[in-house]
């Protein structure tokens, strides 16, 4: 198995946890509307995907023994 099940659960938690926190932020801030809200949403999701990708690469390197 390339990536362990623990890493997959970590990535799912980071992704959905980040989106949940963003949802809670938008519920409190009513003055953010339209394109600004969409830009924040896409920006945060791109950051989360970058973090997920870095964690996957790190997990693969650890599994292959490149990083000790």
N, C-alpha and C. Protein backbone atom coordinates (compact mmCIF):
# COMPACT_ATOMS: atom_id res chain seq x y z
N UNK A 1 0.85 -1.18 0.00
CA UNK A 1 0.00 0.00 0.00
C UNK A 1 0.90 1.23 0.00
N UNK A 2 0.61 2.14 -0.90
CA UNK A 2 1.45 3.33 -1.03
C UNK A 2 1.28 4.25 0.17
N UNK A 3 0.05 4.54 0.53
CA UNK A 3 -0.20 5.45 1.65
C UNK A 3 -1.04 4.70 2.68
N UNK A 4 -0.64 4.79 3.93
CA UNK A 4 -1.35 4.10 4.98
C UNK A 4 -2.72 4.70 5.25
N UNK A 5 -3.56 3.91 5.85
CA UNK A 5 -4.93 4.34 6.16
C UNK A 5 -4.93 5.48 7.17
N UNK A 6 -3.91 5.53 8.04
CA UNK A 6 -3.83 6.62 9.02
C UNK A 6 -3.62 7.96 8.33
N UNK A 7 -2.77 7.96 7.30
CA UNK A 7 -2.52 9.20 6.56
C UNK A 7 -3.77 9.64 5.82
N UNK A 8 -4.50 8.69 5.26
CA UNK A 8 -5.72 9.03 4.54
C UNK A 8 -6.75 9.65 5.49
N UNK A 9 -6.89 9.09 6.70
CA UNK A 9 -7.81 9.67 7.68
C UNK A 9 -7.35 11.06 8.12
N UNK A 10 -6.04 11.26 8.23
CA UNK A 10 -5.51 12.57 8.58
C UNK A 10 -5.86 13.59 7.49
N UNK A 11 -5.69 13.20 6.23
CA UNK A 11 -5.99 14.11 5.13
C UNK A 11 -7.48 14.43 5.05
N UNK A 12 -8.32 13.44 5.29
CA UNK A 12 -9.76 13.67 5.30
C UNK A 12 -10.12 14.63 6.44
N UNK A 13 -9.51 14.41 7.60
CA UNK A 13 -9.78 15.29 8.74
C UNK A 13 -9.34 16.72 8.48
N UNK A 14 -8.17 16.89 7.88
CA UNK A 14 -7.67 18.23 7.58
C UNK A 14 -8.58 18.92 6.56
N UNK A 15 -8.95 18.20 5.52
CA UNK A 15 -9.78 18.79 4.47
C UNK A 15 -11.16 19.19 4.98
N UNK A 16 -11.86 18.25 5.59
CA UNK A 16 -13.21 18.56 6.05
C UNK A 16 -13.19 19.46 7.28
N UNK A 17 -12.17 19.34 8.11
CA UNK A 17 -12.05 20.25 9.25
C UNK A 17 -11.83 21.69 8.82
N UNK A 18 -10.98 21.88 7.82
CA UNK A 18 -10.76 23.23 7.30
C UNK A 18 -12.01 23.82 6.67
N UNK A 19 -12.74 23.01 5.92
CA UNK A 19 -13.97 23.50 5.32
C UNK A 19 -15.04 23.77 6.37
N UNK A 20 -15.09 22.97 7.43
CA UNK A 20 -16.05 23.22 8.50
C UNK A 20 -15.74 24.54 9.21
N UNK A 21 -14.45 24.77 9.50
CA UNK A 21 -14.08 26.04 10.14
C UNK A 21 -14.40 27.23 9.25
N UNK A 22 -14.20 27.07 7.95
CA UNK A 22 -14.54 28.14 7.01
C UNK A 22 -16.05 28.38 6.98
N UNK A 23 -16.83 27.30 7.02
CA UNK A 23 -18.29 27.43 7.07
C UNK A 23 -18.73 28.18 8.33
N UNK A 24 -18.13 27.85 9.47
CA UNK A 24 -18.47 28.53 10.72
C UNK A 24 -18.10 30.03 10.65
N UNK A 25 -16.96 30.33 10.01
CA UNK A 25 -16.54 31.71 9.85
C UNK A 25 -17.55 32.49 9.01
N UNK A 26 -18.02 31.88 7.92
CA UNK A 26 -18.98 32.54 7.05
C UNK A 26 -20.34 32.72 7.72
N UNK A 27 -20.70 31.83 8.64
CA UNK A 27 -21.97 32.01 9.34
C UNK A 27 -21.93 33.22 10.27
N UNK A 28 -20.76 33.51 10.82
CA UNK A 28 -20.63 34.65 11.74
C UNK A 28 -20.52 35.98 10.98
N UNK A 29 -19.80 35.96 9.86
CA UNK A 29 -19.56 37.19 9.10
C UNK A 29 -20.61 37.33 8.00
N UNK A 30 -21.66 38.06 8.28
CA UNK A 30 -22.75 38.21 7.32
C UNK A 30 -22.44 39.25 6.24
N UNK A 31 -21.46 40.14 6.50
CA UNK A 31 -21.20 41.22 5.55
C UNK A 31 -20.37 40.77 4.34
N UNK A 32 -19.80 39.57 4.39
CA UNK A 32 -19.03 39.06 3.25
C UNK A 32 -20.01 38.46 2.25
N UNK A 33 -20.03 38.98 1.03
CA UNK A 33 -21.01 38.56 0.04
C UNK A 33 -20.33 38.20 -1.29
N UNK A 34 -21.00 37.40 -2.08
CA UNK A 34 -20.69 37.16 -3.48
C UNK A 34 -19.28 36.70 -3.79
N UNK A 35 -18.62 37.47 -4.64
CA UNK A 35 -17.32 37.07 -5.18
C UNK A 35 -16.25 37.02 -4.09
N UNK A 36 -16.34 37.88 -3.10
CA UNK A 36 -15.35 37.85 -2.01
C UNK A 36 -15.43 36.53 -1.25
N UNK A 37 -16.66 36.07 -0.97
CA UNK A 37 -16.85 34.81 -0.27
C UNK A 37 -16.33 33.65 -1.13
N UNK A 38 -16.59 33.70 -2.43
CA UNK A 38 -16.13 32.67 -3.35
C UNK A 38 -14.60 32.65 -3.44
N UNK A 39 -13.98 33.84 -3.46
CA UNK A 39 -12.52 33.92 -3.52
C UNK A 39 -11.89 33.34 -2.26
N UNK A 40 -12.45 33.65 -1.11
CA UNK A 40 -11.94 33.10 0.15
C UNK A 40 -12.09 31.59 0.16
N UNK A 41 -13.25 31.10 -0.27
CA UNK A 41 -13.51 29.66 -0.30
C UNK A 41 -12.51 28.93 -1.19
N UNK A 42 -12.29 29.43 -2.41
CA UNK A 42 -11.34 28.79 -3.31
C UNK A 42 -9.90 28.89 -2.80
N UNK A 43 -9.56 30.04 -2.22
CA UNK A 43 -8.21 30.21 -1.69
C UNK A 43 -7.91 29.24 -0.56
N UNK A 44 -8.83 29.10 0.37
CA UNK A 44 -8.64 28.18 1.49
C UNK A 44 -8.58 26.74 1.00
N UNK A 45 -9.44 26.38 0.05
CA UNK A 45 -9.42 25.02 -0.46
C UNK A 45 -8.14 24.71 -1.22
N UNK A 46 -7.59 25.68 -1.93
CA UNK A 46 -6.31 25.46 -2.62
C UNK A 46 -5.18 25.28 -1.60
N UNK A 47 -5.22 26.03 -0.51
CA UNK A 47 -4.22 25.87 0.54
C UNK A 47 -4.33 24.50 1.20
N UNK A 48 -5.55 24.04 1.43
CA UNK A 48 -5.76 22.72 2.02
C UNK A 48 -5.26 21.63 1.07
N UNK A 49 -5.53 21.76 -0.22
CA UNK A 49 -5.05 20.78 -1.19
C UNK A 49 -3.52 20.77 -1.27
N UNK A 50 -2.89 21.94 -1.15
CA UNK A 50 -1.43 22.00 -1.13
C UNK A 50 -0.88 21.28 0.10
N UNK A 51 -1.50 21.50 1.25
CA UNK A 51 -1.08 20.81 2.47
C UNK A 51 -1.28 19.31 2.36
N UNK A 52 -2.42 18.89 1.81
CA UNK A 52 -2.67 17.46 1.60
C UNK A 52 -1.63 16.84 0.69
N UNK A 53 -1.28 17.53 -0.38
CA UNK A 53 -0.27 17.01 -1.32
C UNK A 53 1.09 16.88 -0.65
N UNK A 54 1.44 17.87 0.16
CA UNK A 54 2.73 17.80 0.86
C UNK A 54 2.75 16.63 1.85
N UNK A 55 1.63 16.39 2.53
CA UNK A 55 1.57 15.27 3.46
C UNK A 55 1.65 13.93 2.73
N UNK A 56 1.04 13.84 1.56
CA UNK A 56 1.12 12.60 0.78
C UNK A 56 2.55 12.34 0.34
N UNK A 57 3.23 13.37 -0.17
CA UNK A 57 4.62 13.20 -0.61
C UNK A 57 5.50 12.80 0.57
N UNK A 58 5.31 13.43 1.72
CA UNK A 58 6.09 13.08 2.90
C UNK A 58 5.82 11.65 3.33
N UNK A 59 4.56 11.22 3.29
CA UNK A 59 4.22 9.85 3.67
C UNK A 59 4.86 8.84 2.73
N UNK A 60 4.87 9.13 1.44
CA UNK A 60 5.49 8.22 0.46
C UNK A 60 6.99 8.16 0.69
N UNK A 61 7.62 9.31 0.95
CA UNK A 61 9.07 9.31 1.20
C UNK A 61 9.42 8.54 2.47
N UNK A 62 8.61 8.68 3.50
CA UNK A 62 8.87 7.93 4.74
C UNK A 62 8.68 6.44 4.50
N UNK A 63 7.66 6.10 3.74
CA UNK A 63 7.40 4.67 3.48
C UNK A 63 8.52 4.04 2.65
N UNK A 64 9.06 4.81 1.72
CA UNK A 64 10.15 4.28 0.88
C UNK A 64 11.48 4.28 1.62
N UNK A 65 11.57 4.95 2.74
CA UNK A 65 12.79 4.98 3.52
C UNK A 65 13.73 6.11 3.16
N UNK A 66 13.26 7.07 2.36
CA UNK A 66 14.10 8.20 1.96
C UNK A 66 14.29 9.19 3.10
N UNK A 67 13.29 9.28 3.98
CA UNK A 67 13.35 10.19 5.13
C UNK A 67 13.29 9.32 6.38
N UNK A 68 14.21 9.56 7.29
CA UNK A 68 14.21 8.74 8.50
C UNK A 68 13.74 9.51 9.72
